[in-house]
PDB file of N, CA and C in Angstrom:
ATOM      1  N   MET A   1      83.444 -10.125   2.918  1.00  0.00           N
ATOM      2  CA  MET A   1      82.839 -11.425   2.777  1.00  0.00           C
ATOM      3  C   MET A   1      81.565 -11.534   1.607  1.00  0.00           C
ATOM      4  N   LYS A   2      81.937 -12.400   0.732  1.00  0.00           N
ATOM      5  CA  LYS A   2      81.112 -12.266  -0.554  1.00  0.00           C
ATOM      6  C   LYS A   2      79.863 -13.275  -0.268  1.00  0.00           C
ATOM      7  N   ILE A   3      78.780 -12.779  -0.473  1.00  0.00           N
ATOM      8  CA  ILE A   3      77.574 -13.583  -0.216  1.00  0.00           C
ATOM      9  C   ILE A   3      77.311 -14.318  -1.437  1.00  0.00           C
ATOM     10  N   GLN A   4      77.291 -15.867  -1.623  1.00  0.00           N
ATOM     11  CA  GLN A   4      76.665 -16.146  -2.585  1.00  0.00           C
ATOM     12  C   GLN A   4      75.150 -16.345  -2.743  1.00  0.00           C
ATOM     13  N   TRP A   5      74.364 -15.907  -3.592  1.00  0.00           N
ATOM     14  CA  TRP A   5      72.938 -16.005  -3.495  1.00  0.00           C
ATOM     15  C   TRP A   5      72.604 -16.772  -4.330  1.00  0.00           C
ATOM     16  N   TYR A   6      73.223 -17.126  -5.497  1.00  0.00           N
ATOM     17  CA  TYR A   6      72.760 -18.167  -6.479  1.00  0.00           C
ATOM     18  C   TYR A   6      72.916 -19.554  -5.823  1.00  0.00           C
ATOM     19  N   PRO A   7      72.022 -20.606  -5.442  1.00  0.00           N
ATOM     20  CA  PRO A   7      72.102 -21.863  -4.977  1.00  0.00           C
ATOM     21  C   PRO A   7      72.953 -22.657  -5.815  1.00  0.00           C
ATOM     22  N   GLY A   8      73.412 -23.826  -5.510  1.00  0.00           N
ATOM     23  CA  GLY A   8      74.155 -24.665  -6.162  1.00  0.00           C
ATOM     24  C   GLY A   8      73.165 -25.316  -7.048  1.00  0.00           C
ATOM     25  N   HIS A   9      71.847 -25.920  -6.633  1.00  0.00           N
ATOM     26  CA  HIS A   9      71.367 -26.517  -7.466  1.00  0.00           C
ATOM     27  C   HIS A   9      70.648 -25.791  -8.631  1.00  0.00           C
ATOM     28  N   MET A  10      70.763 -24.403  -8.406  1.00  0.00           N
ATOM     29  CA  MET A  10      70.327 -23.500  -9.742  1.00  0.00           C
ATOM     30  C   MET A  10      71.462 -23.523 -10.661  1.00  0.00           C
ATOM     31  N   THR A  11      72.741 -23.459 -10.204  1.00  0.00           N
ATOM     32  CA  THR A  11      74.056 -23.313 -11.272  1.00  0.00           C
ATOM     33  C   THR A  11      74.074 -24.772 -11.728  1.00  0.00           C
ATOM     34  N   LYS A  12      73.666 -25.750 -11.025  1.00  0.00           N
ATOM     35  CA  LYS A  12      73.791 -27.285 -11.867  1.00  0.00           C
ATOM     36  C   LYS A  12      72.687 -27.168 -12.923  1.00  0.00           C
ATOM     37  N   ALA A  13      71.365 -26.889 -12.634  1.00  0.00           N
ATOM     38  CA  ALA A  13      70.382 -26.741 -13.424  1.00  0.00           C
ATOM     39  C   ALA A  13      70.733 -25.928 -14.810  1.00  0.00           C
ATOM     40  N   VAL A  14      71.290 -24.663 -14.600  1.00  0.00           N
ATOM     41  CA  VAL A  14      71.861 -23.991 -15.568  1.00  0.00           C
ATOM     42  C   VAL A  14      72.690 -24.510 -16.580  1.00  0.00           C
ATOM     43  N   ARG A  15      73.710 -25.131 -15.970  1.00  0.00           N
ATOM     44  CA  ARG A  15      74.772 -26.250 -16.574  1.00  0.00           C
ATOM     45  C   ARG A  15      74.204 -27.268 -17.516  1.00  0.00           C
ATOM     46  N   MET A  16      73.069 -27.790 -17.049  1.00  0.00           N
ATOM     47  CA  MET A  16      72.452 -28.830 -17.633  1.00  0.00           C
ATOM     48  C   MET A  16      71.609 -28.320 -18.966  1.00  0.00           C
ATOM     49  N   MET A  17      70.791 -27.215 -18.690  1.00  0.00           N
ATOM     50  CA  MET A  17      70.146 -26.726 -19.524  1.00  0.00           C
ATOM     51  C   MET A  17      71.103 -26.270 -20.677  1.00  0.00           C
ATOM     52  N   LYS A  18      72.429 -25.581 -20.456  1.00  0.00           N
ATOM     53  CA  LYS A  18      73.147 -25.320 -21.645  1.00  0.00           C
ATOM     54  C   LYS A  18      73.506 -26.241 -22.166  1.00  0.00           C
ATOM     55  N   GLU A  19      73.555 -27.450 -21.975  1.00  0.00           N
ATOM     56  CA  GLU A  19      73.967 -28.692 -22.575  1.00  0.00           C
ATOM     57  C   GLU A  19      73.234 -29.402 -23.282  1.00  0.00           C
ATOM     58  N   GLU A  20      71.850 -29.121 -22.849  1.00  0.00           N
ATOM     59  CA  GLU A  20      70.586 -29.669 -23.961  1.00  0.00           C
ATOM     60  C   GLU A  20      69.946 -28.725 -24.573  1.00  0.00           C
ATOM     61  N   ILE A  21      69.901 -27.662 -24.526  1.00  0.00           N
ATOM     62  CA  ILE A  21      68.917 -26.495 -25.121  1.00  0.00           C
ATOM     63  C   ILE A  21      69.191 -26.891 -26.640  1.00  0.00           C
ATOM     64  N   GLN A  22      70.669 -27.084 -27.424  1.00  0.00           N
ATOM     65  CA  GLN A  22      70.711 -27.287 -28.531  1.00  0.00           C
ATOM     66  C   GLN A  22      69.718 -28.352 -29.061  1.00  0.00           C
ATOM     67  N   LEU A  23      69.364 -29.205 -28.702  1.00  0.00           N
ATOM     68  CA  LEU A  23      67.971 -30.409 -28.829  1.00  0.00           C
ATOM     69  C   LEU A  23      66.663 -29.866 -28.976  1.00  0.00           C
ATOM     70  N   VAL A  24      66.471 -28.474 -28.396  1.00  0.00           N
ATOM     71  CA  VAL A  24      65.161 -28.035 -28.145  1.00  0.00           C
ATOM     72  C   VAL A  24      64.649 -27.028 -29.051  1.00  0.00           C
ATOM     73  N   ASP A  25      63.226 -27.291 -29.838  1.00  0.00           N
ATOM     74  CA  ASP A  25      63.005 -26.253 -30.610  1.00  0.00           C
ATOM     75  C   ASP A  25      61.773 -25.281 -30.058  1.00  0.00           C
ATOM     76  N   LEU A  26      61.446 -25.281 -28.786  1.00  0.00           N
ATOM     77  CA  LEU A  26      60.527 -24.561 -28.054  1.00  0.00           C
ATOM     78  C   LEU A  26      60.977 -24.453 -26.526  1.00  0.00           C
ATOM     79  N   VAL A  27      61.022 -23.295 -26.077  1.00  0.00           N
ATOM     80  CA  VAL A  27      61.253 -22.806 -24.611  1.00  0.00           C
ATOM     81  C   VAL A  27      59.873 -22.605 -23.926  1.00  0.00           C
ATOM     82  N   ILE A  28      59.274 -22.954 -22.995  1.00  0.00           N
ATOM     83  CA  ILE A  28      58.277 -22.718 -22.637  1.00  0.00           C
ATOM     84  C   ILE A  28      58.487 -22.368 -21.135  1.00  0.00           C
ATOM     85  N   GLU A  29      58.220 -21.147 -20.539  1.00  0.00           N
ATOM     86  CA  GLU A  29      58.362 -20.904 -19.279  1.00  0.00           C
ATOM     87  C   GLU A  29      56.801 -20.622 -18.562  1.00  0.00           C
ATOM     88  N   LEU A  30      56.827 -21.442 -17.395  1.00  0.00           N
ATOM     89  CA  LEU A  30      55.493 -21.671 -17.063  1.00  0.00           C
ATOM     90  C   LEU A  30      55.623 -20.751 -15.457  1.00  0.00           C
ATOM     91  N   LEU A  31      54.782 -19.446 -15.532  1.00  0.00           N
ATOM     92  CA  LEU A  31      55.079 -18.640 -14.621  1.00  0.00           C
ATOM     93  C   LEU A  31      53.811 -18.342 -13.867  1.00  0.00           C
ATOM     94  N   ASP A  32      53.797 -17.685 -12.888  1.00  0.00           N
ATOM     95  CA  ASP A  32      52.569 -17.507 -11.949  1.00  0.00           C
ATOM     96  C   ASP A  32      52.081 -16.267 -12.564  1.00  0.00           C
ATOM     97  N   ALA A  33      50.774 -16.040 -12.778  1.00  0.00           N
ATOM     98  CA  ALA A  33      50.267 -14.852 -13.603  1.00  0.00           C
ATOM     99  C   ALA A  33      50.091 -13.615 -12.384  1.00  0.00           C
ATOM    100  N   ARG A  34      50.001 -14.334 -10.970  1.00  0.00           N
ATOM    101  CA  ARG A  34      50.062 -13.110 -10.032  1.00  0.00           C
ATOM    102  C   ARG A  34      51.272 -12.249  -9.843  1.00  0.00           C
ATOM    103  N   ALA A  35      52.347 -12.996 -10.315  1.00  0.00           N
ATOM    104  CA  ALA A  35      53.592 -12.601  -9.991  1.00  0.00           C
ATOM    105  C   ALA A  35      54.506 -12.816 -11.024  1.00  0.00           C
ATOM    106  N   PRO A  36      54.643 -12.323 -12.502  1.00  0.00           N
ATOM    107  CA  PRO A  36      55.160 -12.984 -13.792  1.00  0.00           C
ATOM    108  C   PRO A  36      56.671 -12.844 -13.543  1.00  0.00           C
ATOM    109  N   LEU A  37      56.964 -11.602 -13.070  1.00  0.00           N
ATOM    110  CA  LEU A  37      58.427 -11.395 -13.112  1.00  0.00           C
ATOM    111  C   LEU A  37      59.335 -12.034 -12.057  1.00  0.00           C
ATOM    112  N   SER A  38      58.426 -12.112 -10.748  1.00  0.00           N
ATOM    113  CA  SER A  38      59.128 -12.949  -9.643  1.00  0.00           C
ATOM    114  C   SER A  38      59.203 -14.199  -9.998  1.00  0.00           C
ATOM    115  N   SER A  39      58.689 -14.784 -10.590  1.00  0.00           N
ATOM    116  CA  SER A  39      58.293 -16.362 -10.792  1.00  0.00           C
ATOM    117  C   SER A  39      59.426 -16.703 -12.141  1.00  0.00           C
ATOM    118  N   ARG A  40      60.014 -15.671 -12.500  1.00  0.00           N
ATOM    119  CA  ARG A  40      60.632 -16.121 -13.802  1.00  0.00           C
ATOM    120  C   ARG A  40      62.311 -16.393 -13.393  1.00  0.00           C
ATOM    121  N   ASN A  41      63.096 -17.010 -14.025  1.00  0.00           N
ATOM    122  CA  ASN A  41      64.297 -17.271 -13.941  1.00  0.00           C
ATOM    123  C   ASN A  41      65.070 -16.348 -15.137  1.00  0.00           C
ATOM    124  N   PRO A  42      65.935 -15.376 -14.569  1.00  0.00           N
ATOM    125  CA  PRO A  42      66.413 -14.247 -15.691  1.00  0.00           C
ATOM    126  C   PRO A  42      67.120 -15.156 -16.468  1.00  0.00           C
ATOM    127  N   ASP A  43      67.701 -16.240 -16.113  1.00  0.00           N
ATOM    128  CA  ASP A  43      68.734 -16.963 -17.292  1.00  0.00           C
ATOM    129  C   ASP A  43      67.957 -17.529 -18.407  1.00  0.00           C
ATOM    130  N   ILE A  44      66.850 -17.739 -18.366  1.00  0.00           N
ATOM    131  CA  ILE A  44      66.102 -18.410 -19.607  1.00  0.00           C
ATOM    132  C   ILE A  44      66.143 -17.488 -20.698  1.00  0.00           C
ATOM    133  N   ASP A  45      66.041 -15.944 -20.521  1.00  0.00           N
ATOM    134  CA  ASP A  45      66.517 -15.236 -21.506  1.00  0.00           C
ATOM    135  C   ASP A  45      67.596 -15.586 -22.683  1.00  0.00           C
ATOM    136  N   GLU A  46      68.605 -15.714 -21.816  1.00  0.00           N
ATOM    137  CA  GLU A  46      69.990 -15.894 -22.572  1.00  0.00           C
ATOM    138  C   GLU A  46      69.871 -17.497 -23.170  1.00  0.00           C
ATOM    139  N   LEU A  47      69.505 -18.208 -22.426  1.00  0.00           N
ATOM    140  CA  LEU A  47      69.292 -19.634 -22.479  1.00  0.00           C
ATOM    141  C   LEU A  47      68.518 -19.838 -24.070  1.00  0.00           C
ATOM    142  N   GLY A  48      67.551 -19.386 -24.046  1.00  0.00           N
ATOM    143  CA  GLY A  48      66.596 -19.296 -24.936  1.00  0.00           C
ATOM    144  C   GLY A  48      66.559 -18.427 -26.209  1.00  0.00           C
ATOM    145  N   LYS A  49      67.542 -17.729 -26.044  1.00  0.00           N
ATOM    146  CA  LYS A  49      67.882 -17.118 -27.320  1.00  0.00           C
ATOM    147  C   LYS A  49      67.827 -17.925 -28.644  1.00  0.00           C
ATOM    148  N   ASN A  50      67.395 -17.185 -29.736  1.00  0.00           N
ATOM    149  CA  ASN A  50      67.390 -18.002 -30.902  1.00  0.00           C
ATOM    150  C   ASN A  50      66.124 -19.376 -31.000  1.00  0.00           C
ATOM    151  N   LYS A  51      65.534 -19.464 -30.167  1.00  0.00           N
ATOM    152  CA  LYS A  51      64.494 -20.425 -29.637  1.00  0.00           C
ATOM    153  C   LYS A  51      63.106 -19.871 -30.058  1.00  0.00           C
ATOM    154  N   PHE A  52      61.956 -20.680 -30.200  1.00  0.00           N
ATOM    155  CA  PHE A  52      60.843 -20.069 -30.212  1.00  0.00           C
ATOM    156  C   PHE A  52      60.606 -20.194 -28.580  1.00  0.00           C
ATOM    157  N   ARG A  53      59.923 -19.354 -28.456  1.00  0.00           N
ATOM    158  CA  ARG A  53      59.410 -19.095 -26.821  1.00  0.00           C
ATOM    159  C   ARG A  53      57.974 -18.998 -26.648  1.00  0.00           C
ATOM    160  N   MET A  54      57.625 -19.395 -25.604  1.00  0.00           N
ATOM    161  CA  MET A  54      56.347 -19.282 -24.885  1.00  0.00           C
ATOM    162  C   MET A  54      56.268 -19.041 -23.450  1.00  0.00           C
ATOM    163  N   VAL A  55      55.399 -18.049 -23.082  1.00  0.00           N
ATOM    164  CA  VAL A  55      54.957 -18.359 -21.474  1.00  0.00           C
ATOM    165  C   VAL A  55      53.598 -18.582 -21.233  1.00  0.00           C
ATOM    166  N   ILE A  56      53.691 -19.560 -20.388  1.00  0.00           N
ATOM    167  CA  ILE A  56      52.192 -19.712 -19.875  1.00  0.00           C
ATOM    168  C   ILE A  56      52.124 -18.935 -18.519  1.00  0.00           C
ATOM    169  N   LEU A  57      50.875 -18.221 -18.561  1.00  0.00           N
ATOM    170  CA  LEU A  57      50.609 -17.316 -17.505  1.00  0.00           C
ATOM    171  C   LEU A  57      49.567 -18.099 -16.321  1.00  0.00           C
ATOM    172  N   ASN A  58      49.912 -19.065 -15.726  1.00  0.00           N
ATOM    173  CA  ASN A  58      48.958 -19.983 -15.050  1.00  0.00           C
ATOM    174  C   ASN A  58      48.576 -19.434 -13.910  1.00  0.00           C
ATOM    175  N   LYS A  59      47.334 -19.814 -13.250  1.00  0.00           N
ATOM    176  CA  LYS A  59      46.672 -19.131 -12.223  1.00  0.00           C
ATOM    177  C   LYS A  59      46.002 -17.855 -12.502  1.00  0.00           C
ATOM    178  N   CYS A  60      45.917 -17.595 -13.806  1.00  0.00           N
ATOM    179  CA  CYS A  60      45.387 -16.102 -14.505  1.00  0.00           C
ATOM    180  C   CYS A  60      43.791 -15.853 -14.088  1.00  0.00           C
ATOM    181  N   ASP A  61      43.118 -16.965 -13.510  1.00  0.00           N
ATOM    182  CA  ASP A  61      41.974 -16.724 -12.867  1.00  0.00           C
ATOM    183  C   ASP A  61      41.949 -16.368 -11.289  1.00  0.00           C
ATOM    184  N   LEU A  62      43.205 -16.353 -10.877  1.00  0.00           N
ATOM    185  CA  LEU A  62      43.435 -15.651  -9.603  1.00  0.00           C
ATOM    186  C   LEU A  62      44.158 -14.242  -9.572  1.00  0.00           C
ATOM    187  N   SER A  63      44.298 -13.874 -10.726  1.00  0.00           N
ATOM    188  CA  SER A  63      45.036 -12.584 -11.119  1.00  0.00           C
ATOM    189  C   SER A  63      44.015 -11.680 -11.436  1.00  0.00           C
ATOM    190  N   ASP A  64      44.143 -10.308 -11.416  1.00  0.00           N
ATOM    191  CA  ASP A  64      43.450  -9.291 -12.418  1.00  0.00           C
ATOM    192  C   ASP A  64      43.395  -9.464 -13.549  1.00  0.00           C
ATOM    193  N   LYS A  65      42.226  -9.425 -14.343  1.00  0.00           N
ATOM    194  CA  LYS A  65      42.067  -9.747 -15.806  1.00  0.00           C
ATOM    195  C   LYS A  65      42.957  -8.795 -16.606  1.00  0.00           C
ATOM    196  N   ARG A  66      42.653  -7.375 -16.198  1.00  0.00           N
ATOM    197  CA  ARG A  66      43.400  -6.202 -16.944  1.00  0.00           C
ATOM    198  C   ARG A  66      45.020  -6.576 -16.880  1.00  0.00           C
ATOM    199  N   ALA A  67      45.609  -6.808 -15.664  1.00  0.00           N
ATOM    200  CA  ALA A  67      46.742  -7.164 -15.439  1.00  0.00           C
ATOM    201  C   ALA A  67      47.260  -8.273 -16.323  1.00  0.00           C
ATOM    202  N   ASN A  68      46.506  -9.334 -16.558  1.00  0.00           N
ATOM    203  CA  ASN A  68      47.016 -10.498 -17.473  1.00  0.00           C
ATOM    204  C   ASN A  68      47.021  -9.893 -18.898  1.00  0.00           C
ATOM    205  N   GLU A  69      46.227  -9.182 -19.116  1.00  0.00           N
ATOM    206  CA  GLU A  69      46.309  -8.761 -20.517  1.00  0.00           C
ATOM    207  C   GLU A  69      47.691  -7.556 -20.796  1.00  0.00           C
ATOM    208  N   LEU A  70      47.938  -7.001 -19.880  1.00  0.00           N
ATOM    209  CA  LEU A  70      49.002  -6.117 -19.705  1.00  0.00           C
ATOM    210  C   LEU A  70      50.161  -7.043 -19.868  1.00  0.00           C
ATOM    211  N   TRP A  71      50.300  -8.123 -18.933  1.00  0.00           N
ATOM    212  CA  TRP A  71      51.619  -8.887 -18.806  1.00  0.00           C
ATOM    213  C   TRP A  71      51.499  -9.581 -20.299  1.00  0.00           C
ATOM    214  N   LYS A  72      50.290  -9.875 -21.017  1.00  0.00           N
ATOM    215  CA  LYS A  72      50.518 -10.584 -22.066  1.00  0.00           C
ATOM    216  C   LYS A  72      51.289  -9.814 -23.242  1.00  0.00           C
ATOM    217  N   THR A  73      50.588  -8.704 -23.169  1.00  0.00           N
ATOM    218  CA  THR A  73      51.195  -7.409 -24.240  1.00  0.00           C
ATOM    219  C   THR A  73      52.797  -7.411 -24.048  1.00  0.00           C
ATOM    220  N   TYR A  74      53.061  -7.450 -22.949  1.00  0.00           N
ATOM    221  CA  TYR A  74      54.539  -7.255 -22.469  1.00  0.00           C
ATOM    222  C   TYR A  74      55.513  -8.274 -22.985  1.00  0.00           C
ATOM    223  N   PHE A  75      54.944  -9.497 -22.812  1.00  0.00           N
ATOM    224  CA  PHE A  75      55.712 -10.701 -23.332  1.00  0.00           C
ATOM    225  C   PHE A  75      55.758 -10.594 -24.881  1.00  0.00           C
ATOM    226  N   GLU A  76      54.603 -10.821 -25.357  1.00  0.00           N
ATOM    227  CA  GLU A  76      54.273 -10.563 -27.153  1.00  0.00           C
ATOM    228  C   GLU A  76      54.988  -9.542 -27.551  1.00  0.00           C
ATOM    229  N   ASP A  77      55.422  -8.574 -27.184  1.00  0.00           N
ATOM    230  CA  ASP A  77      56.186  -7.149 -27.399  1.00  0.00           C
ATOM    231  C   ASP A  77      57.679  -7.572 -27.473  1.00  0.00           C
ATOM    232  N   LYS A  78      58.318  -8.822 -26.710  1.00  0.00           N
ATOM    233  CA  LYS A  78      59.334  -9.227 -26.794  1.00  0.00           C
ATOM    234  C   LYS A  78      59.353 -10.561 -27.710  1.00  0.00           C
ATOM    235  N   GLY A  79      58.320 -10.679 -28.542  1.00  0.00           N
ATOM    236  CA  GLY A  79      58.404 -11.697 -29.518  1.00  0.00           C
ATOM    237  C   GLY A  79      58.123 -13.086 -28.792  1.00  0.00           C
ATOM    238  N   ILE A  80      57.493 -13.055 -27.773  1.00  0.00           N
ATOM    239  CA  ILE A  80      57.196 -14.283 -26.925  1.00  0.00           C
ATOM    240  C   ILE A  80      55.696 -14.706 -26.697  1.00  0.00           C
ATOM    241  N   ALA A  81      55.252 -15.743 -27.226  1.00  0.00           N
ATOM    242  CA  ALA A  81      54.057 -16.392 -27.388  1.00  0.00           C
ATOM    243  C   ALA A  81      53.491 -16.330 -25.747  1.00  0.00           C
ATOM    244  N   VAL A  82      52.129 -15.982 -25.939  1.00  0.00           N
ATOM    245  CA  VAL A  82      51.607 -16.019 -24.420  1.00  0.00           C
ATOM    246  C   VAL A  82      50.332 -16.775 -24.554  1.00  0.00           C
ATOM    247  N   ILE A  83      50.250 -17.499 -23.197  1.00  0.00           N
ATOM    248  CA  ILE A  83      48.969 -18.263 -23.029  1.00  0.00           C
ATOM    249  C   ILE A  83      48.432 -17.949 -21.442  1.00  0.00           C
ATOM    250  N   LEU A  84      47.281 -17.487 -21.446  1.00  0.00           N
ATOM    251  CA  LEU A  84      46.642 -17.142 -20.224  1.00  0.00           C
ATOM    252  C   LEU A  84      46.098 -18.603 -19.860  1.00  0.00           C
ATOM    253  N   LEU A  85      46.242 -19.109 -18.436  1.00  0.00           N
ATOM    254  CA  LEU A  85      45.689 -20.536 -18.424  1.00  0.00           C
ATOM    255  C   LEU A  85      45.442 -20.725 -17.015  1.00  0.00           C
ATOM    256  N   ASP A  86      44.540 -21.443 -16.713  1.00  0.00           N
ATOM    257  CA  ASP A  86      44.103 -22.004 -15.420  1.00  0.00           C
ATOM    258  C   ASP A  86      43.983 -23.488 -15.486  1.00  0.00           C
ATOM    259  N   ALA A  87      45.390 -23.832 -14.897  1.00  0.00           N
ATOM    260  CA  ALA A  87      45.748 -25.389 -14.949  1.00  0.00           C
ATOM    261  C   ALA A  87      44.590 -26.171 -14.424  1.00  0.00           C
ATOM    262  N   ARG A  88      43.676 -26.042 -13.647  1.00  0.00           N
ATOM    263  CA  ARG A  88      42.804 -26.716 -12.813  1.00  0.00           C
ATOM    264  C   ARG A  88      41.689 -27.138 -13.993  1.00  0.00           C
ATOM    265  N   ASN A  89      41.463 -26.217 -14.815  1.00  0.00           N
ATOM    266  CA  ASN A  89      40.591 -26.333 -16.210  1.00  0.00           C
ATOM    267  C   ASN A  89      40.776 -27.574 -16.912  1.00  0.00           C
ATOM    268  N   ARG A  90      39.620 -28.404 -17.165  1.00  0.00           N
ATOM    269  CA  ARG A  90      40.037 -29.678 -18.167  1.00  0.00           C
ATOM    270  C   ARG A  90      40.715 -29.221 -19.322  1.00  0.00           C
ATOM    271  N   GLY A  91      40.320 -28.341 -19.722  1.00  0.00           N
ATOM    272  CA  GLY A  91      40.730 -27.790 -21.201  1.00  0.00           C
ATOM    273  C   GLY A  91      42.040 -27.253 -21.352  1.00  0.00           C
ATOM    274  N   ALA A  92      42.525 -27.221 -20.309  1.00  0.00           N
ATOM    275  CA  ALA A  92      44.036 -26.372 -20.084  1.00  0.00           C
ATOM    276  C   ALA A  92      45.288 -27.174 -21.010  1.00  0.00           C
ATOM    277  N   VAL A  93      45.173 -28.353 -21.071  1.00  0.00           N
ATOM    278  CA  VAL A  93      46.038 -29.381 -21.794  1.00  0.00           C
ATOM    279  C   VAL A  93      45.831 -29.135 -23.143  1.00  0.00           C
ATOM    280  N   LYS A  94      44.766 -28.997 -23.858  1.00  0.00           N
ATOM    281  CA  LYS A  94      44.304 -28.913 -24.970  1.00  0.00           C
ATOM    282  C   LYS A  94      44.990 -27.471 -25.582  1.00  0.00           C
ATOM    283  N   LYS A  95      44.634 -26.364 -24.684  1.00  0.00           N
ATOM    284  CA  LYS A  95      45.252 -25.266 -25.084  1.00  0.00           C
ATOM    285  C   LYS A  95      46.502 -24.986 -25.288  1.00  0.00           C
ATOM    286  N   VAL A  96      47.343 -25.644 -24.475  1.00  0.00           N
ATOM    287  CA  VAL A  96      48.648 -25.572 -24.599  1.00  0.00           C
ATOM    288  C   VAL A  96      49.142 -26.281 -25.447  1.00  0.00           C
ATOM    289  N   GLU A  97      48.660 -27.519 -26.151  1.00  0.00           N
ATOM    290  CA  GLU A  97      48.782 -28.456 -27.093  1.00  0.00           C
ATOM    291  C   GLU A  97      48.452 -27.398 -28.414  1.00  0.00           C
ATOM    292  N   ASN A  98      47.518 -27.121 -28.398  1.00  0.00           N
ATOM    293  CA  ASN A  98      47.088 -26.123 -29.666  1.00  0.00           C
ATOM    294  C   ASN A  98      47.946 -24.937 -29.673  1.00  0.00           C
ATOM    295  N   ALA A  99      48.632 -24.275 -28.930  1.00  0.00           N
ATOM    296  CA  ALA A  99      49.418 -23.225 -28.748  1.00  0.00           C
ATOM    297  C   ALA A  99      50.725 -23.424 -29.296  1.00  0.00           C
ATOM    298  N   VAL A 100      51.179 -24.817 -28.820  1.00  0.00           N
ATOM    299  CA  VAL A 100      52.435 -25.231 -29.128  1.00  0.00           C
ATOM    300  C   VAL A 100      52.552 -25.476 -30.592  1.00  0.00           C
ATOM    301  N   ARG A 101      51.730 -26.147 -31.280  1.00  0.00           N
ATOM    302  CA  ARG A 101      51.497 -26.472 -32.735  1.00  0.00           C
ATOM    303  C   ARG A 101      51.338 -24.837 -33.476  1.00  0.00           C
ATOM    304  N   GLU A 102      50.879 -24.012 -32.751  1.00  0.00           N
ATOM    305  CA  GLU A 102      50.580 -22.691 -33.741  1.00  0.00           C
ATOM    306  C   GLU A 102      52.196 -22.003 -33.601  1.00  0.00           C
ATOM    307  N   VAL A 103      52.825 -22.209 -32.454  1.00  0.00           N
ATOM    308  CA  VAL A 103      54.155 -21.322 -32.535  1.00  0.00           C
ATOM    309  C   VAL A 103      55.392 -22.205 -33.097  1.00  0.00           C
ATOM    310  N   CYS A 104      55.191 -23.532 -33.233  1.00  0.00           N
ATOM    311  CA  CYS A 104      56.061 -24.516 -34.081  1.00  0.00           C
ATOM    312  C   CYS A 104      55.266 -24.575 -35.559  1.00  0.00           C
ATOM    313  N   LYS A 105      54.618 -23.966 -35.952  1.00  0.00           N
ATOM    314  CA  LYS A 105      53.892 -24.493 -37.178  1.00  0.00           C
ATOM    315  C   LYS A 105      54.839 -24.437 -38.267  1.00  0.00           C
ATOM    316  N   GLU A 106      55.700 -23.539 -38.372  1.00  0.00           N
ATOM    317  CA  GLU A 106      56.763 -23.550 -39.652  1.00  0.00           C
ATOM    318  C   GLU A 106      57.659 -24.594 -39.408  1.00  0.00           C
ATOM    319  N   LYS A 107      58.283 -25.120 -38.156  1.00  0.00           N
ATOM    320  CA  LYS A 107      59.177 -25.916 -38.080  1.00  0.00           C
ATOM    321  C   LYS A 107      58.522 -27.482 -38.326  1.00  0.00           C
ATOM    322  N   ILE A 108      57.441 -27.588 -37.901  1.00  0.00           N
ATOM    323  CA  ILE A 108      56.438 -28.553 -38.316  1.00  0.00           C
ATOM    324  C   ILE A 108      56.172 -29.254 -39.349  1.00  0.00           C
ATOM    325  N   GLU A 109      55.947 -27.923 -40.422  1.00  0.00           N
ATOM    326  CA  GLU A 109      55.715 -28.136 -41.860  1.00  0.00           C
ATOM    327  C   GLU A 109      57.087 -28.195 -42.411  1.00  0.00           C
ATOM    328  N   ARG A 110      58.408 -27.907 -41.957  1.00  0.00           N
ATOM    329  CA  ARG A 110      59.295 -28.080 -42.650  1.00  0.00           C
ATOM    330  C   ARG A 110      59.618 -29.530 -42.500  1.00  0.00           C
ATOM    331  N   ASP A 111      59.611 -29.947 -41.482  1.00  0.00           N
ATOM    332  CA  ASP A 111      59.932 -31.520 -41.010  1.00  0.00           C
ATOM    333  C   ASP A 111      59.106 -32.358 -41.768  1.00  0.00           C
TER     334      ASP A 111
END
């Protein structure tokens, strides 16, 4: 008996992302800084190839600062921009907005 571990709603979501990804300039992943790899969807790497990429490590205030920096380096070495974020902080939205502008700077200037 084959066990299906990939739930139907995930299959549907991936199918929808494949259809819409061509309209997207930047793929942003929101991850839990306490467990970044466990909170990722592995399909995003394939779906987001050839796109600008950004990872937001949320709840960085609840995780180890040294580990945050190591994870930041890990993703940056893969060519992915990283923001360490505490979403409860009032300046968090502005921080994300500024990072998006920086990552997409070339595209914004071209357009």
